[in-house]
Amino acid sequence: MVKNTMTPIEPREQWGTKFGFMLAAAGSAVGLGNIWRFPFVVGEGGGAAFVLLYLLFVLGIGLPLMIGEISIGRKGRANAMDSYKVISPKSKWYVNGLLGVIINFMILAFYSVIAGWAFYYFLLALTGQIISNDKDYGAAFSQFISHPFLPIITQILLMTIVALIVVGGVRKGIEKWNNILMPTLFILLIILVFRSVTLDGAKEGLHFFLNPDFSAITSTIVLAALGQAFFSLSIATGLYVTYGSYNQSQSSIPKNAAGVVFLDVVVAIMAGLIIFPAVFHYGIDPGRGPDLAFITFPTIFTDMPFGSIFAVFFFFFVFVAALTSAISLLEVPVAFAKEKFRISRKIATPITAMIITVLGIFCSLSFGPLSHIQIFDRTIFGLFDFVAAQVLLPISGLLLSIFLGWIWKPLGVKEEIERENNTFPFFKIWSFLIKYVIPIVIFIIFLEKIGLI
């Protein structure tokens, strides 16, 4: 193997603790999708039956890929692209690492828009302006997102916060703040779960969420569970390669990955425990996507005792979930820019953040002044979403599984994982899944996402 011989302008950073790495990686996986996409697909998929399928695919698809990605990063000790070069220096497989950088870049451009909405609604809740008995929440939300500059201001503020955290570095920035934000997230979750399950009539929602109806399972539902398991963990974005490159040699990669998966699943389940009792209690459709957070829940808080207080908790929870994901989305291109152009983090972070913010402004304006612009029958926001999440991400996942199974090969991954007397339980199962099962599954997801099945 060829080592990366380029001398970095700054020493290679490392996580301070194993738990710090897990919280940071879990922060990337725990995002807005856990709040509105998970309840939406659960609602369409027969409740608990979908949840069981989702858990099966998370363990069988998401966890093996995450183990592989972290291994690539720790072996390469470089950014998402150059880590591939270290492992396979004479091949073009580094293109998949570059693809991951591009995916993060594009996703953060439109994700920062939604995260800005979350920040705005948290500020509204904090100042007591969100709840009103005579307020049309749907009209208020539409008016806000179509405003020519207000969503842009909140997006810029959000990106400024993210950049200030990332510029602090791995330990003093990303790890430090995730050590604060992730426990805060779980405290907020516990408060909101307790309030939701104690509502009158909450049993109906809990029954739907926890009692499986296998008659609702169809091929479409199975594909939805596959997609949710794949996308919710931020697999194949280069994130775990980048974060894995900061990992300590003595850490157990399978345990780290299992911890991240566990935290992500816990948040998704707890989000369901918040949402389903509440929406069933108030007779609201749980499959309303972004409307669920920005229209439905303000309506719920209006009728709820101490609703203004719980509105603050809820929208702070939404904001924190958005923030932890945005941090990791920015770190991947920042690490790439820092090492490829040999510039300091203090230079790479603001430049990268500003470019992404400018692209994000166009995505934001696609709900207002630029809503008339359609590219392939999609708004600018919709185009970024489709290309990054629906096309490039499955392609990157397929290439990742092929690289792990057939280029680096399972024994190479095993050798990296078992450094410092670590073990790789279930290696034979992992090897079989990564070589034969996962590539086929991801190819099916890709065909479904582009509408061929």
Protein backbone atom coordinates (compact mmCIF):
# COMPACT_ATOMS: atom_id res chain seq x y z
CA MET A 1 0.00 0.00 0.00
CA VAL A 2 1.14 3.52 -0.79
CA LYS A 3 0.99 6.07 1.94
CA ASN A 4 -0.27 9.58 1.43
CA THR A 5 3.01 11.45 0.99
CA MET A 6 1.63 14.99 0.74
CA THR A 7 2.52 16.90 3.89
CA PRO A 8 -0.60 18.58 5.28
CA ILE A 9 -0.48 22.24 6.26
CA GLU A 10 -1.91 21.24 9.67
CA PRO A 11 -1.31 18.08 11.76
CA ARG A 12 -3.90 15.31 11.26
CA GLU A 13 -6.61 15.73 13.88
CA GLN A 14 -8.11 12.94 16.00
CA TRP A 15 -11.19 12.52 18.15
CA GLY A 16 -10.56 13.06 21.84
CA THR A 17 -12.61 10.05 22.95
CA LYS A 18 -14.37 7.05 21.40
CA PHE A 19 -17.68 8.30 22.73
CA GLY A 20 -17.03 11.71 21.19
CA PHE A 21 -16.68 10.08 17.79
CA MET A 22 -19.92 8.15 18.25
CA LEU A 23 -21.86 11.27 19.27
CA ALA A 24 -20.48 13.25 16.34
CA ALA A 25 -21.24 10.46 13.86
CA ALA A 26 -24.69 9.93 15.37
CA GLY A 27 -25.29 13.67 15.10
CA SER A 28 -24.82 13.38 11.36
CA ALA A 29 -27.34 10.55 11.09
CA VAL A 30 -29.88 12.16 13.42
CA GLY A 31 -31.45 14.89 11.30
CA LEU A 32 -34.74 16.29 10.13
CA GLY A 33 -35.51 13.03 8.33
CA ASN A 34 -35.98 11.39 11.74
CA ILE A 35 -38.65 13.96 12.56
CA TRP A 36 -40.87 14.09 9.49
CA ARG A 37 -39.72 11.51 6.93
CA PHE A 38 -39.67 8.57 9.36
CA PRO A 39 -43.24 9.16 10.65
CA PHE A 40 -44.40 9.70 7.06
CA VAL A 41 -43.09 6.38 5.76
CA VAL A 42 -44.16 4.59 8.95
CA GLY A 43 -47.65 5.97 8.49
CA GLU A 44 -47.81 4.72 4.91
CA GLY A 45 -46.17 1.40 5.72
CA GLY A 46 -48.55 -0.08 8.26
CA GLY A 47 -47.03 1.28 11.47
CA ALA A 48 -44.97 -1.19 13.45
CA ALA A 49 -44.66 -3.59 10.49
CA PHE A 50 -42.67 -0.93 8.66
CA VAL A 51 -40.58 -0.22 11.77
CA LEU A 52 -39.56 -3.89 11.98
CA LEU A 53 -38.58 -3.90 8.29
CA TYR A 54 -36.63 -0.68 8.81
CA LEU A 55 -34.72 -2.16 11.76
CA LEU A 56 -33.92 -5.28 9.73
CA PHE A 57 -32.51 -3.24 6.84
CA VAL A 58 -30.58 -0.89 9.13
CA LEU A 59 -28.79 -3.89 10.63
CA GLY A 60 -28.39 -5.80 7.36
CA ILE A 61 -27.52 -2.93 5.00
CA GLY A 62 -26.70 0.25 6.92
CA LEU A 63 -24.44 -1.21 9.61
CA PRO A 64 -22.19 -3.25 7.24
CA LEU A 65 -21.69 -0.25 4.94
CA MET A 66 -20.92 2.03 7.87
CA ILE A 67 -18.29 -0.41 9.17
CA GLY A 68 -16.71 -0.40 5.72
CA GLU A 69 -16.74 3.39 5.37
CA ILE A 70 -15.14 3.99 8.76
CA SER A 71 -12.48 1.41 7.89
CA ILE A 72 -11.63 3.20 4.64
CA GLY A 73 -11.21 6.46 6.53
CA ARG A 74 -9.03 5.05 9.29
CA LYS A 75 -6.86 3.19 6.80
CA GLY A 76 -6.45 6.21 4.53
CA ARG A 77 -6.09 8.86 7.26
CA ALA A 78 -7.18 11.46 4.71
CA ASN A 79 -10.22 13.19 3.25
CA ALA A 80 -13.03 11.27 1.56
CA MET A 81 -11.25 11.15 -1.80
CA ASP A 82 -7.62 10.61 -0.82
CA SER A 83 -8.44 7.76 1.57
CA TYR A 84 -9.45 5.69 -1.46
CA LYS A 85 -6.14 6.61 -3.13
CA VAL A 86 -4.14 5.31 -0.17
CA ILE A 87 -5.89 1.93 -0.32
CA SER A 88 -5.95 1.58 -4.12
CA PRO A 89 -3.37 4.05 -5.49
CA LYS A 90 -3.27 2.73 -9.08
CA SER A 91 -7.02 2.79 -9.66
CA LYS A 92 -9.70 5.41 -10.26
CA TRP A 93 -11.81 4.42 -7.26
CA TYR A 94 -10.97 7.74 -5.60
CA VAL A 95 -13.72 9.14 -7.85
CA ASN A 96 -16.26 7.65 -5.43
CA GLY A 97 -14.71 9.65 -2.60
CA LEU A 98 -14.95 12.79 -4.72
CA LEU A 99 -18.58 11.88 -5.41
CA GLY A 100 -19.19 11.83 -1.66
CA VAL A 101 -17.77 15.36 -1.33
CA ILE A 102 -20.06 16.58 -4.12
CA ILE A 103 -23.07 14.88 -2.49
CA ASN A 104 -22.43 16.61 0.85
CA PHE A 105 -21.91 19.92 -0.94
CA MET A 106 -25.23 19.66 -2.79
CA ILE A 107 -27.23 18.28 0.13
CA LEU A 108 -26.09 21.02 2.49
CA ALA A 109 -27.09 23.64 -0.11
CA PHE A 110 -30.77 22.66 0.14
CA TYR A 111 -30.67 21.17 3.65
CA SER A 112 -29.46 24.49 5.05
CA VAL A 113 -32.66 26.06 3.72
CA ILE A 114 -34.84 23.70 5.78
CA ALA A 115 -32.49 24.01 8.75
CA GLY A 116 -32.93 27.79 8.46
CA TRP A 117 -36.70 27.29 8.68
CA ALA A 118 -36.17 25.28 11.87
CA PHE A 119 -33.99 28.04 13.32
CA TYR A 120 -36.65 30.66 12.48
CA TYR A 121 -39.45 28.66 14.11
CA PHE A 122 -37.33 28.09 17.20
CA LEU A 123 -36.83 31.87 17.48
CA LEU A 124 -40.58 32.38 17.04
CA ALA A 125 -41.31 29.86 19.80
CA LEU A 126 -38.69 31.37 22.07
CA THR A 127 -40.19 34.84 21.73
CA GLY A 128 -43.77 33.57 22.17
CA GLN A 129 -44.84 34.51 18.62
CA ILE A 130 -45.63 31.06 17.26
CA ILE A 131 -48.95 30.27 18.92
CA SER A 132 -52.16 32.14 18.28
CA ASN A 133 -55.77 30.93 18.40
CA ASP A 134 -56.74 32.83 15.24
CA LYS A 135 -53.59 32.09 13.24
CA ASP A 136 -53.63 30.22 9.91
CA TYR A 137 -50.41 28.20 10.33
CA GLY A 138 -50.46 26.91 6.75
CA ALA A 139 -50.72 30.40 5.30
CA ALA A 140 -48.06 31.69 7.74
CA PHE A 141 -45.62 28.94 6.72
CA SER A 142 -46.22 29.51 2.98
CA GLN A 143 -45.79 33.26 3.44
CA PHE A 144 -42.50 32.75 5.29
CA ILE A 145 -40.83 30.32 2.85
CA SER A 146 -41.88 32.42 -0.17
CA HIS A 147 -40.60 35.67 1.37
CA PRO A 148 -37.84 37.20 -0.79
CA PHE A 149 -35.22 37.57 1.94
CA LEU A 150 -36.38 36.41 5.43
CA PRO A 151 -35.61 32.67 4.86
CA ILE A 152 -32.26 33.67 3.40
CA ILE A 153 -31.38 35.59 6.57
CA THR A 154 -32.17 32.58 8.79
CA GLN A 155 -30.26 30.28 6.42
CA ILE A 156 -27.19 32.56 6.57
CA LEU A 157 -27.40 32.73 10.36
CA LEU A 158 -27.66 28.92 10.53
CA MET A 159 -24.67 28.45 8.21
CA THR A 160 -22.69 30.98 10.26
CA ILE A 161 -23.29 28.93 13.42
CA VAL A 162 -22.29 25.73 11.60
CA ALA A 163 -19.12 27.32 10.19
CA LEU A 164 -18.10 28.68 13.61
CA ILE A 165 -18.36 25.16 15.04
CA VAL A 166 -16.50 23.45 12.18
CA VAL A 167 -13.70 26.05 12.09
CA GLY A 168 -12.90 25.07 15.70
CA GLY A 169 -11.58 21.73 14.48
CA VAL A 170 -12.35 18.10 15.27
CA ARG A 171 -11.89 18.14 19.05
CA LYS A 172 -12.51 21.76 19.99
CA GLY A 173 -15.26 22.31 17.45
CA ILE A 174 -17.18 19.29 16.17
CA GLU A 175 -16.63 16.91 19.10
CA LYS A 176 -17.02 19.59 21.77
CA TRP A 177 -20.33 20.84 20.42
CA ASN A 178 -21.75 17.41 19.66
CA ASN A 179 -20.95 16.46 23.27
CA ILE A 180 -23.28 19.31 24.25
CA LEU A 181 -25.89 19.14 21.49
CA MET A 182 -26.54 15.39 21.40
CA PRO A 183 -27.26 14.98 25.15
CA THR A 184 -29.45 18.10 24.87
CA LEU A 185 -31.29 16.43 21.99
CA PHE A 186 -32.01 13.33 24.08
CA ILE A 187 -33.19 15.38 27.07
CA LEU A 188 -35.61 17.24 24.78
CA LEU A 189 -36.76 13.94 23.30
CA ILE A 190 -37.52 12.49 26.75
CA ILE A 191 -39.52 15.60 27.73
CA LEU A 192 -41.51 15.56 24.48
CA VAL A 193 -42.12 11.78 24.58
CA PHE A 194 -43.44 12.04 28.14
CA ARG A 195 -45.79 14.87 27.16
CA SER A 196 -47.04 13.11 24.04
CA VAL A 197 -47.73 9.69 25.57
CA THR A 198 -49.68 11.30 28.43
CA LEU A 199 -52.16 12.98 26.07
CA ASP A 200 -55.74 11.72 26.19
CA GLY A 201 -56.21 9.05 23.53
CA ALA A 202 -52.47 8.53 23.05
CA LYS A 203 -53.01 4.75 23.18
CA GLU A 204 -54.40 4.72 19.64
CA GLY A 205 -51.24 6.29 18.27
CA LEU A 206 -49.00 4.00 20.31
CA HIS A 207 -50.98 0.98 19.12
CA PHE A 208 -50.51 2.01 15.49
CA PHE A 209 -46.79 2.66 15.99
CA LEU A 210 -45.99 -0.43 18.08
CA ASN A 211 -48.49 -3.07 16.91
CA PRO A 212 -47.49 -4.47 13.48
CA ASP A 213 -50.02 -4.86 10.68
CA PHE A 214 -48.23 -7.18 8.25
CA SER A 215 -51.17 -7.11 5.82
CA ALA A 216 -50.10 -3.57 4.88
CA ILE A 217 -46.70 -4.76 3.65
CA THR A 218 -46.28 -4.52 -0.13
CA SER A 219 -43.27 -4.41 -2.42
CA THR A 220 -43.55 -0.60 -2.37
CA ILE A 221 -43.42 -0.58 1.44
CA VAL A 222 -40.39 -2.89 1.43
CA LEU A 223 -38.58 -0.53 -0.97
CA ALA A 224 -39.54 2.44 1.22
CA ALA A 225 -38.07 0.70 4.28
CA LEU A 226 -34.90 -0.06 2.31
CA GLY A 227 -34.60 3.55 1.24
CA GLN A 228 -35.24 4.91 4.72
CA ALA A 229 -32.61 2.60 6.24
CA PHE A 230 -30.06 3.60 3.60
CA PHE A 231 -30.65 7.36 3.56
CA SER A 232 -31.33 7.99 7.26
CA LEU A 233 -27.82 6.90 8.27
CA SER A 234 -26.00 9.21 5.79
CA ILE A 235 -24.33 6.18 4.24
CA ALA A 236 -22.08 6.60 1.17
CA THR A 237 -21.69 10.37 1.55
CA GLY A 238 -18.02 10.23 2.50
CA LEU A 239 -18.99 11.33 6.00
CA TYR A 240 -17.90 8.14 7.76
CA VAL A 241 -14.73 8.04 5.68
CA THR A 242 -13.90 11.56 6.84
CA TYR A 243 -14.91 10.97 10.46
CA GLY A 244 -13.21 7.55 10.40
CA SER A 245 -9.96 9.20 9.32
CA TYR A 246 -9.94 11.02 12.68
CA ASN A 247 -10.52 7.77 14.57
CA GLN A 248 -7.97 6.41 17.02
CA SER A 249 -6.17 3.22 15.98
CA GLN A 250 -7.19 1.34 19.12
CA SER A 251 -10.91 2.01 18.72
CA SER A 252 -13.25 -0.82 17.72
CA ILE A 253 -14.82 0.06 14.39
CA PRO A 254 -17.72 -2.46 14.66
CA LYS A 255 -18.58 -1.18 18.15
CA ASN A 256 -18.37 2.44 16.98
CA ALA A 257 -20.66 1.74 14.02
CA ALA A 258 -23.10 -0.25 16.15
CA GLY A 259 -23.24 2.64 18.65
CA VAL A 260 -24.04 5.15 15.90
CA VAL A 261 -26.76 2.91 14.45
CA PHE A 262 -28.23 2.37 17.92
CA LEU A 263 -28.42 6.10 18.66
CA ASP A 264 -29.98 6.83 15.26
CA VAL A 265 -32.63 4.13 15.70
CA VAL A 266 -33.42 5.31 19.25
CA VAL A 267 -34.01 8.87 18.02
CA ALA A 268 -36.22 7.64 15.16
CA ILE A 269 -38.29 5.50 17.54
CA MET A 270 -38.58 8.30 20.10
CA ALA A 271 -39.64 10.71 17.33
CA GLY A 272 -42.41 8.24 16.51
CA LEU A 273 -43.42 8.14 20.17
CA ILE A 274 -43.72 11.93 20.08
CA ILE A 275 -45.55 12.27 16.80
CA PHE A 276 -48.04 9.39 16.60
CA PRO A 277 -49.79 9.88 19.97
CA ALA A 278 -50.04 13.62 19.25
CA VAL A 279 -51.36 13.38 15.69
CA PHE A 280 -53.82 10.60 16.58
CA HIS A 281 -55.02 12.59 19.58
CA TYR A 282 -55.75 15.60 17.37
CA GLY A 283 -56.94 13.55 14.38
CA ILE A 284 -54.16 14.72 12.05
CA ASP A 285 -52.53 12.86 9.13
CA PRO A 286 -48.98 11.83 10.20
CA GLY A 287 -47.76 11.74 6.60
CA ARG A 288 -47.61 15.47 5.93
CA GLY A 289 -43.85 15.78 5.50
CA PRO A 290 -42.39 19.20 6.39
CA ASP A 291 -45.93 20.41 7.12
CA LEU A 292 -45.87 18.13 10.16
CA ALA A 293 -43.24 20.24 11.93
CA PHE A 294 -44.09 23.72 10.70
CA ILE A 295 -47.89 23.60 10.34
CA THR A 296 -49.32 20.62 12.22
CA PHE A 297 -47.38 20.90 15.48
CA PRO A 298 -48.01 24.63 15.97
CA THR A 299 -51.70 23.75 15.67
CA ILE A 300 -51.27 21.03 18.28
CA PHE A 301 -49.44 23.36 20.68
CA THR A 302 -52.26 25.90 20.39
CA ASP A 303 -54.69 23.42 21.98
CA MET A 304 -52.21 21.84 24.40
CA PRO A 305 -51.92 22.96 28.05
CA PHE A 306 -48.62 24.86 28.45
CA GLY A 307 -48.34 24.62 24.65
CA SER A 308 -46.06 27.65 24.34
CA ILE A 309 -43.51 26.00 26.63
CA PHE A 310 -43.59 22.70 24.75
CA ALA A 311 -43.35 24.60 21.47
CA VAL A 312 -39.98 25.94 22.63
CA PHE A 313 -38.80 22.42 23.53
CA PHE A 314 -40.05 20.96 20.23
CA PHE A 315 -38.58 23.56 17.90
CA PHE A 316 -35.30 23.62 19.81
CA PHE A 317 -35.24 19.85 19.27
CA VAL A 318 -35.89 20.34 15.53
CA PHE A 319 -33.18 23.01 15.36
CA VAL A 320 -30.59 20.90 17.21
CA ALA A 321 -31.30 17.89 14.98
CA ALA A 322 -30.83 20.08 11.89
CA LEU A 323 -27.66 21.65 13.31
CA THR A 324 -25.88 18.36 14.15
CA SER A 325 -26.45 17.07 10.62
CA ALA A 326 -25.36 20.35 9.01
CA ILE A 327 -22.08 20.24 10.95
CA SER A 328 -21.12 16.88 9.44
CA LEU A 329 -22.32 17.89 5.97
CA LEU A 330 -19.94 20.87 6.05
CA GLU A 331 -16.98 18.97 7.52
CA VAL A 332 -16.67 16.60 4.53
CA PRO A 333 -16.03 19.31 1.88
CA VAL A 334 -14.00 21.38 4.35
CA ALA A 335 -11.65 18.43 5.03
CA PHE A 336 -11.36 17.88 1.28
CA ALA A 337 -10.61 21.55 0.52
CA LYS A 338 -8.16 21.80 3.42
CA GLU A 339 -6.06 18.86 2.28
CA LYS A 340 -6.35 19.12 -1.52
CA PHE A 341 -5.52 22.84 -1.67
CA ARG A 342 -3.23 22.73 1.39
CA ILE A 343 -4.95 25.56 3.20
CA SER A 344 -5.75 25.91 6.89
CA ARG A 345 -9.12 25.02 8.38
CA LYS A 346 -9.60 28.71 9.20
CA ILE A 347 -9.49 29.48 5.48
CA ALA A 348 -11.18 26.36 4.11
CA THR A 349 -14.24 26.58 6.38
CA PRO A 350 -15.53 30.09 5.59
CA ILE A 351 -14.81 29.77 1.86
CA THR A 352 -16.62 26.42 1.60
CA ALA A 353 -19.50 27.64 3.77
CA MET A 354 -19.93 30.79 1.69
CA ILE A 355 -20.06 28.89 -1.61
CA ILE A 356 -22.63 26.44 -0.21
CA THR A 357 -24.66 29.32 1.24
CA VAL A 358 -24.80 31.09 -2.13
CA LEU A 359 -26.11 27.91 -3.78
CA GLY A 360 -28.53 27.53 -0.88
CA ILE A 361 -29.88 31.02 -1.50
CA PHE A 362 -30.97 29.94 -5.00
CA CYS A 363 -32.60 26.84 -3.46
CA SER A 364 -34.42 29.05 -0.94
CA LEU A 365 -35.62 31.47 -3.61
CA SER A 366 -37.14 28.56 -5.53
CA PHE A 367 -40.04 28.73 -3.06
CA GLY A 368 -40.56 32.43 -3.82
CA PRO A 369 -39.15 34.78 -6.46
CA LEU A 370 -37.51 31.95 -8.45
CA SER A 371 -40.39 29.48 -8.16
CA HIS A 372 -41.16 29.94 -11.86
CA ILE A 373 -37.78 28.51 -12.86
CA GLN A 374 -38.13 24.81 -13.69
CA ILE A 375 -35.24 22.55 -14.72
CA PHE A 376 -36.38 19.12 -15.91
CA ASP A 377 -39.77 19.94 -14.37
CA ARG A 378 -38.17 20.60 -10.97
CA THR A 379 -37.49 23.74 -8.98
CA ILE A 380 -33.87 24.53 -8.14
CA PHE A 381 -34.43 23.08 -4.66
CA GLY A 382 -36.07 19.97 -6.10
CA LEU A 383 -33.29 19.50 -8.66
CA PHE A 384 -30.56 19.59 -5.99
CA ASP A 385 -32.56 17.12 -3.88
CA PHE A 386 -33.17 14.74 -6.79
CA VAL A 387 -29.62 14.75 -8.17
CA ALA A 388 -27.85 14.46 -4.80
CA ALA A 389 -30.17 12.22 -2.78
CA GLN A 390 -31.99 10.22 -5.43
CA VAL A 391 -29.29 9.72 -8.10
CA LEU A 392 -25.74 10.31 -6.83
CA LEU A 393 -26.22 8.81 -3.35
CA PRO A 394 -27.38 5.34 -4.52
CA ILE A 395 -24.62 5.32 -7.18
CA SER A 396 -22.04 6.15 -4.51
CA GLY A 397 -23.47 3.44 -2.23
CA LEU A 398 -23.26 0.86 -5.01
CA LEU A 399 -19.65 1.81 -5.79
CA LEU A 400 -18.81 1.73 -2.07
CA SER A 401 -20.12 -1.83 -1.67
CA ILE A 402 -18.24 -3.00 -4.78
CA PHE A 403 -15.03 -1.35 -3.55
CA LEU A 404 -15.32 -3.01 -0.13
CA GLY A 405 -16.32 -6.42 -1.45
CA TRP A 406 -14.23 -6.76 -4.61
CA ILE A 407 -11.42 -4.16 -4.73
CA TRP A 408 -10.09 -3.74 -1.19
CA LYS A 409 -11.78 -7.05 -0.37
CA PRO A 410 -13.14 -8.26 3.00
CA LEU A 411 -9.81 -9.56 4.26
CA GLY A 412 -8.26 -6.10 3.78
CA VAL A 413 -11.10 -4.54 5.77
CA LYS A 414 -10.74 -7.23 8.43
CA GLU A 415 -7.02 -6.52 8.77
CA GLU A 416 -7.69 -2.80 9.37
CA ILE A 417 -10.47 -3.47 11.86
CA GLU A 418 -8.46 -5.98 13.90
CA ARG A 419 -5.56 -3.63 14.57
CA GLU A 420 -4.56 -3.11 18.23
CA ASN A 421 -6.02 -6.53 19.20
CA ASN A 422 -9.57 -5.59 18.19
CA THR A 423 -11.94 -8.26 16.91
CA PHE A 424 -14.43 -8.35 14.03
CA PRO A 425 -17.45 -10.38 15.17
CA PHE A 426 -19.67 -11.78 12.42
CA PHE A 427 -16.97 -11.19 9.78
CA LYS A 428 -18.23 -14.01 7.55
CA ILE A 429 -21.78 -12.62 7.60
CA TRP A 430 -20.45 -9.12 6.90
CA SER A 431 -18.35 -10.42 4.01
CA PHE A 432 -21.30 -12.24 2.42
CA LEU A 433 -23.59 -9.21 2.77
CA ILE A 434 -21.06 -6.71 1.40
CA LYS A 435 -20.10 -8.85 -1.60
CA TYR A 436 -23.39 -10.33 -2.73
CA VAL A 437 -26.46 -8.89 -1.01
CA ILE A 438 -25.87 -5.18 -0.53
CA PRO A 439 -24.85 -4.31 -4.13
CA ILE A 440 -28.06 -5.90 -5.44
CA VAL A 441 -30.19 -4.16 -2.81
CA ILE A 442 -28.70 -0.73 -3.54
CA PHE A 443 -29.14 -1.26 -7.29
CA ILE A 444 -32.83 -1.97 -6.64
CA ILE A 445 -33.08 1.20 -4.52
CA PHE A 446 -31.49 3.18 -7.37
CA LEU A 447 -33.95 1.81 -9.93
CA GLU A 448 -36.82 2.68 -7.61
CA LYS A 449 -35.55 6.21 -6.99
CA ILE A 450 -35.25 7.02 -10.71
CA GLY A 451 -38.69 5.54 -11.35
CA LEU A 452 -37.79 2.40 -13.30
CA ILE A 453 -39.48 0.10 -10.74
